[in-house]
Amino acid sequence: MQALIAGLLVSAAAPPAVAPVTPLFASDAPIQLTIQGPIAALVRNSERAPTTTAATLSLAGSSEAHAIRLTPRGITRLKKEICGFPPLRVEFAQPPAATSLFLGQRRLKLVTHCRPAAGFQQHLLLEYAAYRIFNLVSPISYRARLATVNYVEPNGRNATTRYGFFIEDTDDLARRNGFREAMVGNRIPSAQLEPRQSARLALFQYMIGNLDWSMRAGPPGEGCCHNSRLLAGASPLKVPVPYDFDYSGLVDAPYAVPPDKYKIGSVRKRVYQGYCRHNGEAMAAAAEFRAARPSVEAMFGQIPGMEPRTRKGALDYLARFYSDIATDATMQSLVLKSCVG
């Protein structure tokens, strides 16, 4: 019996075997789909009384049709004064078939357009681009799949058609990298963070001008962490992964404001918030980001629907980041000077 218990403990502590990426996130090619259900009612009640609603999801160009449940989700974007159309959680009523693009999916986050104005489509595409950027510098990153979504009422009336994107489930992200989601309390010491990934994450957040995150603590009473998740493996160190970039300078959403504690006037202002103990790894990460620059810039040319003005503005904003990290000297004087002790 003792041997059995010991074996179970070892098994529980061991990271899972590396799993392949699920079909939905194995490609960056945009998809087109239809979500049919009581969309207007769902949106109308999303903040006051968010409820789960039965709907169907159909994939264009195929015979795929899935019974789903839709639930409004989020915190800031669930508020009516911020977004008239909330982000959604899509839950499959039955496991998708082995031939389905959605094989292996149970619950997915769908980032939506927030408001009908055309400019909000551009903000959504910029947030999607942020996920793609981190994919290019770290495999330990959430994958995203862009979609054109037709929202249709039960009577067949088209409510709206807008871009959206699905975000990979945390368990799937963890499994394809040989990790599992870490179970921690409200906060962890910075000494428990894996240095290389932590430095990459902090430099990426500086790159996109995001201050709305923490990789070691969450809002009071909500657990760790804020707009990031921690993964665990064989090492005792925790591996952070970022998400939710609408408050970044790159996206520059109309409702985004910097946190009060930074005393800056715009989310476009960059402030590095990595830990000083990771400065050596941050120097190495800067070299990775410099090497990835051609791929990052090329990626912006591959996003359908992104207007030339939006693309140019994003690349100009990122060019200033690349200037900041151009050499070890500029990294030290312009970026690492504000590292967190």
C-alpha atoms as a PDB file:
ATOM      1  CA  MET A   1       0.000   0.000   0.000  1.00  0.00           C
ATOM      2  CA  GLN A   2       2.822   2.447   0.851  1.00  0.00           C
ATOM      3  CA  ALA A   3       4.458   1.703  -2.497  1.00  0.00           C
ATOM      4  CA  LEU A   4       1.160   2.368  -4.268  1.00  0.00           C
ATOM      5  CA  ILE A   5       0.687   5.694  -2.466  1.00  0.00           C
ATOM      6  CA  ALA A   6       4.263   6.711  -3.266  1.00  0.00           C
ATOM      7  CA  GLY A   7       3.698   5.855  -6.901  1.00  0.00           C
ATOM      8  CA  LEU A   8       0.542   7.942  -7.021  1.00  0.00           C
ATOM      9  CA  LEU A   9       2.323  10.905  -5.454  1.00  0.00           C
ATOM     10  CA  VAL A  10       5.134  10.716  -8.000  1.00  0.00           C
ATOM     11  CA  SER A  11       2.579  10.454 -10.800  1.00  0.00           C
ATOM     12  CA  ALA A  12       0.668  13.483  -9.519  1.00  0.00           C
ATOM     13  CA  ALA A  13       3.859  15.557  -9.313  1.00  0.00           C
ATOM     14  CA  ALA A  14       5.192  14.557 -12.727  1.00  0.00           C
ATOM     15  CA  PRO A  15       4.389  16.801 -15.702  1.00  0.00           C
ATOM     16  CA  PRO A  16       2.118  15.286 -18.347  1.00  0.00           C
ATOM     17  CA  ALA A  17       3.518  13.969 -21.597  1.00  0.00           C
ATOM     18  CA  VAL A  18       3.819  16.512 -24.381  1.00  0.00           C
ATOM     19  CA  ALA A  19       0.635  16.585 -26.478  1.00  0.00           C
ATOM     20  CA  PRO A  20       0.227  17.830 -30.052  1.00  0.00           C
ATOM     21  CA  VAL A  21      -1.476  21.132 -30.741  1.00  0.00           C
ATOM     22  CA  THR A  22      -5.225  20.758 -31.228  1.00  0.00           C
ATOM     23  CA  PRO A  23      -6.548  21.150 -34.817  1.00  0.00           C
ATOM     24  CA  LEU A  24      -8.174  24.542 -34.196  1.00  0.00           C
ATOM     25  CA  PHE A  25      -4.832  26.088 -33.248  1.00  0.00           C
ATOM     26  CA  ALA A  26      -2.607  24.152 -35.656  1.00  0.00           C
ATOM     27  CA  SER A  27      -2.993  26.849 -38.320  1.00  0.00           C
ATOM     28  CA  ASP A  28      -3.114  30.637 -38.502  1.00  0.00           C
ATOM     29  CA  ALA A  29      -5.467  30.598 -41.513  1.00  0.00           C
ATOM     30  CA  PRO A  30      -8.626  32.598 -40.691  1.00  0.00           C
ATOM     31  CA  ILE A  31     -11.910  30.712 -40.504  1.00  0.00           C
ATOM     32  CA  GLN A  32     -15.516  31.739 -41.058  1.00  0.00           C
ATOM     33  CA  LEU A  33     -18.344  30.560 -38.860  1.00  0.00           C
ATOM     34  CA  THR A  34     -21.930  31.272 -37.882  1.00  0.00           C
ATOM     35  CA  ILE A  35     -23.238  31.422 -34.331  1.00  0.00           C
ATOM     36  CA  GLN A  36     -27.037  31.247 -34.248  1.00  0.00           C
ATOM     37  CA  GLY A  37     -29.032  31.933 -31.120  1.00  0.00           C
ATOM     38  CA  PRO A  38     -30.796  34.725 -29.201  1.00  0.00           C
ATOM     39  CA  ILE A  39     -27.874  37.109 -29.690  1.00  0.00           C
ATOM     40  CA  ALA A  40     -29.735  40.375 -28.995  1.00  0.00           C
ATOM     41  CA  ALA A  41     -31.128  39.060 -25.696  1.00  0.00           C
ATOM     42  CA  LEU A  42     -27.739  37.669 -24.686  1.00  0.00           C
ATOM     43  CA  VAL A  43     -26.069  41.016 -25.314  1.00  0.00           C
ATOM     44  CA  ARG A  44     -28.843  43.030 -23.689  1.00  0.00           C
ATOM     45  CA  ASN A  45     -28.609  41.093 -20.416  1.00  0.00           C
ATOM     46  CA  SER A  46     -24.865  40.464 -20.411  1.00  0.00           C
ATOM     47  CA  GLU A  47     -23.932  42.791 -17.542  1.00  0.00           C
ATOM     48  CA  ARG A  48     -27.096  42.913 -15.484  1.00  0.00           C
ATOM     49  CA  ALA A  49     -27.900  39.189 -15.526  1.00  0.00           C
ATOM     50  CA  PRO A  50     -25.435  37.170 -17.603  1.00  0.00           C
ATOM     51  CA  THR A  51     -26.844  33.750 -18.353  1.00  0.00           C
ATOM     52  CA  THR A  52     -25.857  30.714 -20.396  1.00  0.00           C
ATOM     53  CA  THR A  53     -27.780  30.446 -23.658  1.00  0.00           C
ATOM     54  CA  ALA A  54     -28.194  27.524 -26.064  1.00  0.00           C
ATOM     55  CA  ALA A  55     -26.992  28.214 -29.609  1.00  0.00           C
ATOM     56  CA  THR A  56     -25.411  26.505 -32.606  1.00  0.00           C
ATOM     57  CA  LEU A  57     -22.022  26.983 -34.219  1.00  0.00           C
ATOM     58  CA  SER A  58     -21.560  26.162 -37.923  1.00  0.00           C
ATOM     59  CA  LEU A  59     -18.254  26.193 -39.778  1.00  0.00           C
ATOM     60  CA  ALA A  60     -18.371  27.655 -43.294  1.00  0.00           C
ATOM     61  CA  GLY A  61     -17.228  25.390 -46.110  1.00  0.00           C
ATOM     62  CA  SER A  62     -18.030  22.222 -44.193  1.00  0.00           C
ATOM     63  CA  SER A  63     -20.935  20.256 -42.802  1.00  0.00           C
ATOM     64  CA  GLU A  64     -19.842  20.937 -39.234  1.00  0.00           C
ATOM     65  CA  ALA A  65     -22.582  22.145 -36.904  1.00  0.00           C
ATOM     66  CA  HIS A  66     -22.317  22.000 -33.132  1.00  0.00           C
ATOM     67  CA  ALA A  67     -24.763  22.571 -30.316  1.00  0.00           C
ATOM     68  CA  ILE A  68     -23.095  25.065 -27.989  1.00  0.00           C
ATOM     69  CA  ARG A  69     -23.774  27.119 -24.890  1.00  0.00           C
ATOM     70  CA  LEU A  70     -22.843  30.804 -24.906  1.00  0.00           C
ATOM     71  CA  THR A  71     -22.011  32.760 -21.765  1.00  0.00           C
ATOM     72  CA  PRO A  72     -20.922  36.412 -21.538  1.00  0.00           C
ATOM     73  CA  ARG A  73     -17.584  36.622 -19.763  1.00  0.00           C
ATOM     74  CA  GLY A  74     -14.888  39.045 -18.724  1.00  0.00           C
ATOM     75  CA  ILE A  75     -14.560  41.842 -16.201  1.00  0.00           C
ATOM     76  CA  THR A  76     -13.948  45.224 -17.815  1.00  0.00           C
ATOM     77  CA  ARG A  77     -15.320  44.288 -21.233  1.00  0.00           C
ATOM     78  CA  LEU A  78     -18.477  42.909 -19.632  1.00  0.00           C
ATOM     79  CA  LYS A  79     -19.459  46.448 -18.589  1.00  0.00           C
ATOM     80  CA  LYS A  80     -21.921  48.171 -20.912  1.00  0.00           C
ATOM     81  CA  GLU A  81     -20.088  51.489 -20.742  1.00  0.00           C
ATOM     82  CA  ILE A  82     -17.001  49.729 -22.110  1.00  0.00           C
ATOM     83  CA  CYS A  83     -18.357  47.202 -24.603  1.00  0.00           C
ATOM     84  CA  GLY A  84     -21.808  46.960 -26.131  1.00  0.00           C
ATOM     85  CA  PHE A  85     -21.052  43.376 -27.225  1.00  0.00           C
ATOM     86  CA  PRO A  86     -19.363  41.229 -24.542  1.00  0.00           C
ATOM     87  CA  PRO A  87     -16.637  38.613 -24.912  1.00  0.00           C
ATOM     88  CA  LEU A  88     -18.121  35.112 -24.941  1.00  0.00           C
ATOM     89  CA  ARG A  89     -17.403  31.685 -23.604  1.00  0.00           C
ATOM     90  CA  VAL A  90     -18.300  28.930 -26.072  1.00  0.00           C
ATOM     91  CA  GLU A  91     -18.997  25.545 -24.511  1.00  0.00           C
ATOM     92  CA  PHE A  92     -19.634  22.499 -26.690  1.00  0.00           C
ATOM     93  CA  ALA A  93     -22.669  20.466 -25.622  1.00  0.00           C
ATOM     94  CA  GLN A  94     -21.065  17.277 -26.992  1.00  0.00           C
ATOM     95  CA  PRO A  95     -17.413  16.432 -27.729  1.00  0.00           C
ATOM     96  CA  PRO A  96     -16.645  17.322 -31.374  1.00  0.00           C
ATOM     97  CA  ALA A  97     -15.990  14.370 -33.687  1.00  0.00           C
ATOM     98  CA  ALA A  98     -12.521  13.122 -34.595  1.00  0.00           C
ATOM     99  CA  THR A  99     -12.825  14.793 -38.016  1.00  0.00           C
ATOM    100  CA  SER A 100     -13.851  18.173 -36.570  1.00  0.00           C
ATOM    101  CA  LEU A 101     -11.718  21.307 -36.576  1.00  0.00           C
ATOM    102  CA  PHE A 102     -12.864  21.646 -32.977  1.00  0.00           C
ATOM    103  CA  LEU A 103     -11.646  18.197 -31.924  1.00  0.00           C
ATOM    104  CA  GLY A 104     -10.526  18.257 -28.309  1.00  0.00           C
ATOM    105  CA  GLN A 105     -12.308  21.517 -27.471  1.00  0.00           C
ATOM    106  CA  ARG A 106     -14.740  21.757 -24.583  1.00  0.00           C
ATOM    107  CA  ARG A 107     -14.811  25.419 -23.565  1.00  0.00           C
ATOM    108  CA  LEU A 108     -13.269  28.255 -25.543  1.00  0.00           C
ATOM    109  CA  LYS A 109     -12.874  31.975 -24.975  1.00  0.00           C
ATOM    110  CA  LEU A 110     -14.058  34.041 -27.926  1.00  0.00           C
ATOM    111  CA  VAL A 111     -12.775  37.611 -28.043  1.00  0.00           C
ATOM    112  CA  THR A 112     -15.404  39.753 -29.752  1.00  0.00           C
ATOM    113  CA  HIS A 113     -15.584  43.166 -31.406  1.00  0.00           C
ATOM    114  CA  CYS A 114     -16.809  45.122 -28.348  1.00  0.00           C
ATOM    115  CA  ARG A 115     -18.590  47.829 -30.344  1.00  0.00           C
ATOM    116  CA  PRO A 116     -19.965  48.111 -33.901  1.00  0.00           C
ATOM    117  CA  ALA A 117     -17.742  51.005 -35.016  1.00  0.00           C
ATOM    118  CA  ALA A 118     -15.163  50.022 -37.630  1.00  0.00           C
ATOM    119  CA  GLY A 119     -12.323  51.232 -35.432  1.00  0.00           C
ATOM    120  CA  PHE A 120     -13.066  48.520 -32.890  1.00  0.00           C
ATOM    121  CA  GLN A 121     -12.385  45.910 -35.568  1.00  0.00           C
ATOM    122  CA  GLN A 122      -8.894  47.370 -35.848  1.00  0.00           C
ATOM    123  CA  HIS A 123      -8.366  47.245 -32.079  1.00  0.00           C
ATOM    124  CA  LEU A 124      -9.422  43.577 -32.089  1.00  0.00           C
ATOM    125  CA  LEU A 125      -6.988  42.755 -34.898  1.00  0.00           C
ATOM    126  CA  LEU A 126      -4.185  44.496 -33.014  1.00  0.00           C
ATOM    127  CA  GLU A 127      -4.915  42.437 -29.904  1.00  0.00           C
ATOM    128  CA  TYR A 128      -4.894  39.300 -32.051  1.00  0.00           C
ATOM    129  CA  ALA A 129      -1.513  40.438 -33.426  1.00  0.00           C
ATOM    130  CA  ALA A 130      -0.174  40.706 -29.861  1.00  0.00           C
ATOM    131  CA  TYR A 131      -0.864  36.994 -29.315  1.00  0.00           C
ATOM    132  CA  ARG A 132       0.898  36.222 -32.593  1.00  0.00           C
ATOM    133  CA  ILE A 133       3.930  38.279 -31.547  1.00  0.00           C
ATOM    134  CA  PHE A 134       4.414  36.295 -28.349  1.00  0.00           C
ATOM    135  CA  ASN A 135       3.990  33.051 -30.332  1.00  0.00           C
ATOM    136  CA  LEU A 136       7.051  34.131 -32.347  1.00  0.00           C
ATOM    137  CA  VAL A 137       9.272  34.593 -29.290  1.00  0.00           C
ATOM    138  CA  SER A 138       8.043  31.786 -27.024  1.00  0.00           C
ATOM    139  CA  PRO A 139       6.357  28.422 -27.679  1.00  0.00           C
ATOM    140  CA  ILE A 140       4.927  28.731 -24.165  1.00  0.00           C
ATOM    141  CA  SER A 141       2.230  31.121 -25.311  1.00  0.00           C
ATOM    142  CA  TYR A 142      -1.486  31.090 -25.986  1.00  0.00           C
ATOM    143  CA  ARG A 143      -2.346  30.442 -29.606  1.00  0.00           C
ATOM    144  CA  ALA A 144      -5.215  32.360 -31.174  1.00  0.00           C
ATOM    145  CA  ARG A 145      -7.380  31.637 -34.236  1.00  0.00           C
ATOM    146  CA  LEU A 146      -8.920  34.526 -36.129  1.00  0.00           C
ATOM    147  CA  ALA A 147     -12.489  34.141 -37.373  1.00  0.00           C
ATOM    148  CA  THR A 148     -15.149  36.049 -39.237  1.00  0.00           C
ATOM    149  CA  VAL A 149     -18.245  35.434 -37.142  1.00  0.00           C
ATOM    150  CA  ASN A 150     -21.796  35.763 -38.433  1.00  0.00           C
ATOM    151  CA  TYR A 151     -24.113  36.265 -35.467  1.00  0.00           C
ATOM    152  CA  VAL A 152     -27.608  35.141 -36.443  1.00  0.00           C
ATOM    153  CA  GLU A 153     -30.886  35.297 -34.515  1.00  0.00           C
ATOM    154  CA  PRO A 154     -33.067  32.141 -34.191  1.00  0.00           C
ATOM    155  CA  ASN A 155     -35.389  33.483 -36.926  1.00  0.00           C
ATOM    156  CA  GLY A 156     -32.467  33.654 -39.376  1.00  0.00           C
ATOM    157  CA  ARG A 157     -31.961  37.418 -39.209  1.00  0.00           C
ATOM    158  CA  ASN A 158     -28.298  38.381 -39.310  1.00  0.00           C
ATOM    159  CA  ALA A 159     -27.529  40.358 -36.159  1.00  0.00           C
ATOM    160  CA  THR A 160     -24.012  41.359 -37.197  1.00  0.00           C
ATOM    161  CA  THR A 161     -20.859  40.030 -38.833  1.00  0.00           C
ATOM    162  CA  ARG A 162     -17.562  40.905 -37.213  1.00  0.00           C
ATOM    163  CA  TYR A 163     -14.055  39.607 -36.620  1.00  0.00           C
ATOM    164  CA  GLY A 164     -13.370  37.652 -33.447  1.00  0.00           C
ATOM    165  CA  PHE A 165     -10.756  35.198 -32.276  1.00  0.00           C
ATOM    166  CA  PHE A 166     -10.612  32.082 -30.164  1.00  0.00           C
ATOM    167  CA  ILE A 167      -7.951  31.694 -27.454  1.00  0.00           C
ATOM    168  CA  GLU A 168      -6.362  28.330 -26.740  1.00  0.00           C
ATOM    169  CA  ASP A 169      -7.429  26.618 -23.525  1.00  0.00           C
ATOM    170  CA  THR A 170      -4.846  26.761 -20.722  1.00  0.00           C
ATOM    171  CA  ASP A 171      -4.796  22.985 -20.296  1.00  0.00           C
ATOM    172  CA  ASP A 172      -4.045  22.510 -24.010  1.00  0.00           C
ATOM    173  CA  LEU A 173      -1.282  25.127 -23.903  1.00  0.00           C
ATOM    174  CA  ALA A 174       0.206  23.405 -20.866  1.00  0.00           C
ATOM    175  CA  ARG A 175       0.022  19.871 -22.318  1.00  0.00           C
ATOM    176  CA  ARG A 176       1.683  20.718 -25.630  1.00  0.00           C
ATOM    177  CA  ASN A 177       4.612  22.167 -23.670  1.00  0.00           C
ATOM    178  CA  GLY A 178       4.839  19.337 -21.137  1.00  0.00           C
ATOM    179  CA  PHE A 179       3.367  21.318 -18.237  1.00  0.00           C
ATOM    180  CA  ARG A 180       0.186  21.489 -16.202  1.00  0.00           C
ATOM    181  CA  GLU A 181      -1.568  24.525 -14.762  1.00  0.00           C
ATOM    182  CA  ALA A 182      -0.022  25.440 -11.411  1.00  0.00           C
ATOM    183  CA  MET A 183      -2.152  25.507  -8.291  1.00  0.00           C
ATOM    184  CA  VAL A 184      -1.025  28.432  -6.161  1.00  0.00           C
ATOM    185  CA  GLY A 185      -2.501  30.909  -3.691  1.00  0.00           C
ATOM    186  CA  ASN A 186      -3.088  34.629  -4.104  1.00  0.00           C
ATOM    187  CA  ARG A 187       0.559  35.405  -4.839  1.00  0.00           C
ATOM    188  CA  ILE A 188       3.978  33.816  -5.129  1.00  0.00           C
ATOM    189  CA  PRO A 189       7.484  35.206  -4.480  1.00  0.00           C
ATOM    190  CA  SER A 190       9.359  36.368  -7.578  1.00  0.00           C
ATOM    191  CA  ALA A 191      12.073  33.845  -6.665  1.00  0.00           C
ATOM    192  CA  GLN A 192       9.623  31.074  -7.624  1.00  0.00           C
ATOM    193  CA  LEU A 193       9.276  32.311 -11.221  1.00  0.00           C
ATOM    194  CA  GLU A 194      11.219  30.600 -13.995  1.00  0.00           C
ATOM    195  CA  PRO A 195      13.711  33.327 -15.035  1.00  0.00           C
ATOM    196  CA  ARG A 196      13.912  32.849 -18.801  1.00  0.00           C
ATOM    197  CA  GLN A 197      10.178  32.858 -19.519  1.00  0.00           C
ATOM    198  CA  SER A 198       9.570  35.581 -16.927  1.00  0.00           C
ATOM    199  CA  ALA A 199      12.081  37.843 -18.644  1.00  0.00           C
ATOM    200  CA  ARG A 200      10.531  37.142 -22.050  1.00  0.00           C
ATOM    201  CA  LEU A 201       7.073  37.932 -20.694  1.00  0.00           C
ATOM    202  CA  ALA A 202       8.170  41.200 -19.075  1.00  0.00           C
ATOM    203  CA  LEU A 203      10.022  42.354 -22.204  1.00  0.00           C
ATOM    204  CA  PHE A 204       7.022  41.447 -24.367  1.00  0.00           C
ATOM    205  CA  GLN A 205       4.721  43.485 -22.127  1.00  0.00           C
ATOM    206  CA  TYR A 206       7.144  46.397 -22.455  1.00  0.00           C
ATOM    207  CA  MET A 207       7.144  45.884 -26.219  1.00  0.00           C
ATOM    208  CA  ILE A 208       3.368  46.218 -26.530  1.00  0.00           C
ATOM    209  CA  GLY A 209       3.133  48.889 -23.833  1.00  0.00           C
ATOM    210  CA  ASN A 210       1.047  46.876 -21.377  1.00  0.00           C
ATOM    211  CA  LEU A 211       0.936  47.577 -17.636  1.00  0.00           C
ATOM    212  CA  ASP A 212      -2.299  45.693 -16.900  1.00  0.00           C
ATOM    213  CA  TRP A 213      -0.748  42.445 -15.686  1.00  0.00           C
ATOM    214  CA  SER A 214       1.100  40.613 -12.942  1.00  0.00           C
ATOM    215  CA  MET A 215       2.804  37.234 -13.145  1.00  0.00           C
ATOM    216  CA  ARG A 216       2.919  36.705  -9.397  1.00  0.00           C
ATOM    217  CA  ALA A 217      -0.243  38.194  -7.878  1.00  0.00           C
ATOM    218  CA  GLY A 218      -3.866  38.843  -8.692  1.00  0.00           C
ATOM    219  CA  PRO A 219      -6.529  41.305  -7.553  1.00  0.00           C
ATOM    220  CA  PRO A 220      -7.518  40.881  -3.890  1.00  0.00           C
ATOM    221  CA  GLY A 221      -9.666  37.806  -3.415  1.00  0.00           C
ATOM    222  CA  GLU A 222      -9.277  36.588  -7.006  1.00  0.00           C
ATOM    223  CA  GLY A 223      -6.117  34.482  -6.708  1.00  0.00           C
ATOM    224  CA  CYS A 224      -2.983  34.555  -8.796  1.00  0.00           C
ATOM    225  CA  CYS A 225      -2.409  36.022 -11.308  1.00  0.00           C
ATOM    226  CA  HIS A 226      -3.552  39.127 -13.184  1.00  0.00           C
ATOM    227  CA  ASN A 227      -3.903  38.558 -16.933  1.00  0.00           C
ATOM    228  CA  SER A 228      -1.442  35.681 -16.808  1.00  0.00           C
ATOM    229  CA  ARG A 229      -1.407  32.028 -15.828  1.00  0.00           C
ATOM    230  CA  LEU A 230       1.287  29.970 -14.125  1.00  0.00           C
ATOM    231  CA  LEU A 231       2.347  26.556 -15.386  1.00  0.00           C
ATOM    232  CA  ALA A 232       4.175  23.850 -13.441  1.00  0.00           C
ATOM    233  CA  GLY A 233       6.459  21.033 -14.500  1.00  0.00           C
ATOM    234  CA  ALA A 234       9.255  18.938 -13.050  1.00  0.00           C
ATOM    235  CA  SER A 235      11.018  22.041 -11.722  1.00  0.00           C
ATOM    236  CA  PRO A 236       9.634  23.834  -8.649  1.00  0.00           C
ATOM    237  CA  LEU A 237       9.778  27.095 -10.614  1.00  0.00           C
ATOM    238  CA  LYS A 238       6.535  28.393 -12.116  1.00  0.00           C
ATOM    239  CA  VAL A 239       6.301  29.387 -15.787  1.00  0.00           C
ATOM    240  CA  PRO A 240       4.139  32.464 -16.522  1.00  0.00           C
ATOM    241  CA  VAL A 241       2.073  32.941 -19.681  1.00  0.00           C
ATOM    242  CA  PRO A 242       0.360  36.263 -20.562  1.00  0.00           C
ATOM    243  CA  TYR A 243      -3.050  36.985 -22.073  1.00  0.00           C
ATOM    244  CA  ASP A 244      -5.566  39.828 -22.425  1.00  0.00           C
ATOM    245  CA  PHE A 245      -3.817  42.769 -24.101  1.00  0.00           C
ATOM    246  CA  ASP A 246      -6.602  45.279 -24.750  1.00  0.00           C
ATOM    247  CA  TYR A 247      -5.124  47.766 -22.273  1.00  0.00           C
ATOM    248  CA  SER A 248      -1.796  47.845 -24.108  1.00  0.00           C
ATOM    249  CA  GLY A 249      -0.401  50.771 -26.043  1.00  0.00           C
ATOM    250  CA  LEU A 250      -0.212  48.615 -29.165  1.00  0.00           C
ATOM    251  CA  VAL A 251      -3.986  48.046 -29.125  1.00  0.00           C
ATOM    252  CA  ASP A 252      -4.716  51.547 -27.758  1.00  0.00           C
ATOM    253  CA  ALA A 253      -8.407  50.861 -27.101  1.00  0.00           C
ATOM    254  CA  PRO A 254     -10.452  54.036 -26.463  1.00  0.00           C
ATOM    255  CA  TYR A 255     -11.319  52.884 -22.944  1.00  0.00           C
ATOM    256  CA  ALA A 256      -7.772  51.910 -21.939  1.00  0.00           C
ATOM    257  CA  VAL A 257      -6.066  53.995 -19.255  1.00  0.00           C
ATOM    258  CA  PRO A 258      -2.811  53.276 -17.410  1.00  0.00           C
ATOM    259  CA  PRO A 259      -2.958  52.088 -13.795  1.00  0.00           C
ATOM    260  CA  ASP A 260      -2.956  55.017 -11.373  1.00  0.00           C
ATOM    261  CA  LYS A 261       0.275  53.991  -9.664  1.00  0.00           C
ATOM    262  CA  TYR A 262       2.394  54.718 -12.747  1.00  0.00           C
ATOM    263  CA  LYS A 263       1.506  58.433 -13.000  1.00  0.00           C
ATOM    264  CA  ILE A 264       1.650  58.460 -16.787  1.00  0.00           C
ATOM    265  CA  GLY A 265      -0.851  60.017 -19.147  1.00  0.00           C
ATOM    266  CA  SER A 266      -1.253  57.346 -21.806  1.00  0.00           C
ATOM    267  CA  VAL A 267      -1.099  53.585 -22.283  1.00  0.00           C
ATOM    268  CA  ARG A 268       1.268  54.314 -25.183  1.00  0.00           C
ATOM    269  CA  LYS A 269       3.993  55.168 -22.634  1.00  0.00           C
ATOM    270  CA  ARG A 270       6.215  52.145 -21.958  1.00  0.00           C
ATOM    271  CA  VAL A 271       7.413  51.208 -18.475  1.00  0.00           C
ATOM    272  CA  TYR A 272       9.442  48.034 -17.931  1.00  0.00           C
ATOM    273  CA  GLN A 273       8.115  45.955 -15.043  1.00  0.00           C
ATOM    274  CA  GLY A 274      10.377  42.903 -15.121  1.00  0.00           C
ATOM    275  CA  TYR A 275      12.291  41.823 -12.038  1.00  0.00           C
ATOM    276  CA  CYS A 276      15.870  42.966 -11.531  1.00  0.00           C
ATOM    277  CA  ARG A 277      16.831  39.408 -10.575  1.00  0.00           C
ATOM    278  CA  HIS A 278      16.025  38.456 -14.208  1.00  0.00           C
ATOM    279  CA  ASN A 279      18.104  41.180 -15.896  1.00  0.00           C
ATOM    280  CA  GLY A 280      20.584  38.684 -17.317  1.00  0.00           C
ATOM    281  CA  GLU A 281      17.793  36.679 -18.887  1.00  0.00           C
ATOM    282  CA  ALA A 282      16.198  39.913 -20.150  1.00  0.00           C
ATOM    283  CA  MET A 283      19.409  40.712 -22.046  1.00  0.00           C
ATOM    284  CA  ALA A 284      19.210  37.285 -23.701  1.00  0.00           C
ATOM    285  CA  ALA A 285      15.510  37.809 -24.422  1.00  0.00           C
ATOM    286  CA  ALA A 286      16.296  41.111 -26.167  1.00  0.00           C
ATOM    287  CA  ALA A 287      18.502  39.215 -28.611  1.00  0.00           C
ATOM    288  CA  GLU A 288      15.607  36.819 -29.290  1.00  0.00           C
ATOM    289  CA  PHE A 289      13.255  39.728 -29.930  1.00  0.00           C
ATOM    290  CA  ARG A 290      15.728  41.373 -32.296  1.00  0.00           C
ATOM    291  CA  ALA A 291      16.085  38.121 -34.230  1.00  0.00           C
ATOM    292  CA  ALA A 292      12.299  37.753 -34.475  1.00  0.00           C
ATOM    293  CA  ARG A 293      11.746  41.280 -35.802  1.00  0.00           C
ATOM    294  CA  PRO A 294      11.476  40.326 -39.522  1.00  0.00           C
ATOM    295  CA  SER A 295       8.917  37.635 -38.688  1.00  0.00           C
ATOM    296  CA  VAL A 296       6.941  40.007 -36.472  1.00  0.00           C
ATOM    297  CA  GLU A 297       6.806  42.699 -39.128  1.00  0.00           C
ATOM    298  CA  ALA A 298       5.871  40.192 -41.836  1.00  0.00           C
ATOM    299  CA  MET A 299       3.062  38.830 -39.655  1.00  0.00           C
ATOM    300  CA  PHE A 300       1.325  42.216 -39.656  1.00  0.00           C
ATOM    301  CA  GLY A 301       1.078  41.978 -43.428  1.00  0.00           C
ATOM    302  CA  GLN A 302      -0.747  38.655 -43.159  1.00  0.00           C
ATOM    303  CA  ILE A 303      -3.695  39.771 -41.013  1.00  0.00           C
ATOM    304  CA  PRO A 304      -6.850  40.160 -43.118  1.00  0.00           C
ATOM    305  CA  GLY A 305      -8.904  43.259 -42.517  1.00  0.00           C
ATOM    306  CA  MET A 306      -6.100  45.271 -40.957  1.00  0.00           C
ATOM    307  CA  GLU A 307      -6.087  48.685 -42.590  1.00  0.00           C
ATOM    308  CA  PRO A 308      -2.788  50.064 -43.944  1.00  0.00           C
ATOM    309  CA  ARG A 309      -2.969  52.978 -41.501  1.00  0.00           C
ATOM    310  CA  THR A 310      -3.425  50.578 -38.580  1.00  0.00           C
ATOM    311  CA  ARG A 311      -0.524  48.420 -39.759  1.00  0.00           C
ATOM    312  CA  LYS A 312       1.785  51.407 -40.190  1.00  0.00           C
ATOM    313  CA  GLY A 313       0.866  52.796 -36.781  1.00  0.00           C
ATOM    314  CA  ALA A 314       1.596  49.446 -35.117  1.00  0.00           C
ATOM    315  CA  LEU A 315       4.931  49.006 -36.871  1.00  0.00           C
ATOM    316  CA  ASP A 316       5.970  52.572 -36.023  1.00  0.00           C
ATOM    317  CA  TYR A 317       5.102  51.944 -32.372  1.00  0.00           C
ATOM    318  CA  LEU A 318       7.100  48.692 -32.354  1.00  0.00           C
ATOM    319  CA  ALA A 319      10.044  50.375 -34.107  1.00  0.00           C
ATOM    320  CA  ARG A 320      10.552  52.516 -31.009  1.00  0.00           C
ATOM    321  CA  PHE A 321      10.710  49.346 -28.935  1.00  0.00           C
ATOM    322  CA  TYR A 322      13.363  47.886 -31.225  1.00  0.00           C
ATOM    323  CA  SER A 323      15.339  51.097 -30.869  1.00  0.00           C
ATOM    324  CA  ASP A 324      15.198  50.726 -27.071  1.00  0.00           C
ATOM    325  CA  ILE A 325      16.602  47.178 -27.224  1.00  0.00           C
ATOM    326  CA  ALA A 326      19.035  47.745 -30.101  1.00  0.00           C
ATOM    327  CA  THR A 327      22.128  47.104 -27.962  1.00  0.00           C
ATOM    328  CA  ASP A 328      22.972  45.927 -24.469  1.00  0.00           C
ATOM    329  CA  ALA A 329      23.763  49.529 -23.606  1.00  0.00           C
ATOM    330  CA  THR A 330      20.344  50.816 -24.654  1.00  0.00           C
ATOM    331  CA  MET A 331      18.663  47.887 -22.911  1.00  0.00           C
ATOM    332  CA  GLN A 332      20.417  48.855 -19.699  1.00  0.00           C
ATOM    333  CA  SER A 333      19.850  52.592 -19.940  1.00  0.00           C
ATOM    334  CA  LEU A 334      16.328  52.689 -21.403  1.00  0.00           C
ATOM    335  CA  VAL A 335      14.611  49.465 -20.324  1.00  0.00           C
ATOM    336  CA  LEU A 336      16.199  47.760 -17.339  1.00  0.00           C
ATOM    337  CA  LYS A 337      16.579  51.019 -15.431  1.00  0.00           C
ATOM    338  CA  SER A 338      13.002  50.604 -14.165  1.00  0.00           C
ATOM    339  CA  CYS A 339      13.262  46.922 -13.223  1.00  0.00           C
ATOM    340  CA  VAL A 340      11.439  45.888 -10.073  1.00  0.00           C
ATOM    341  CA  GLY A 341      13.646  44.994  -7.132  1.00  0.00           C
END
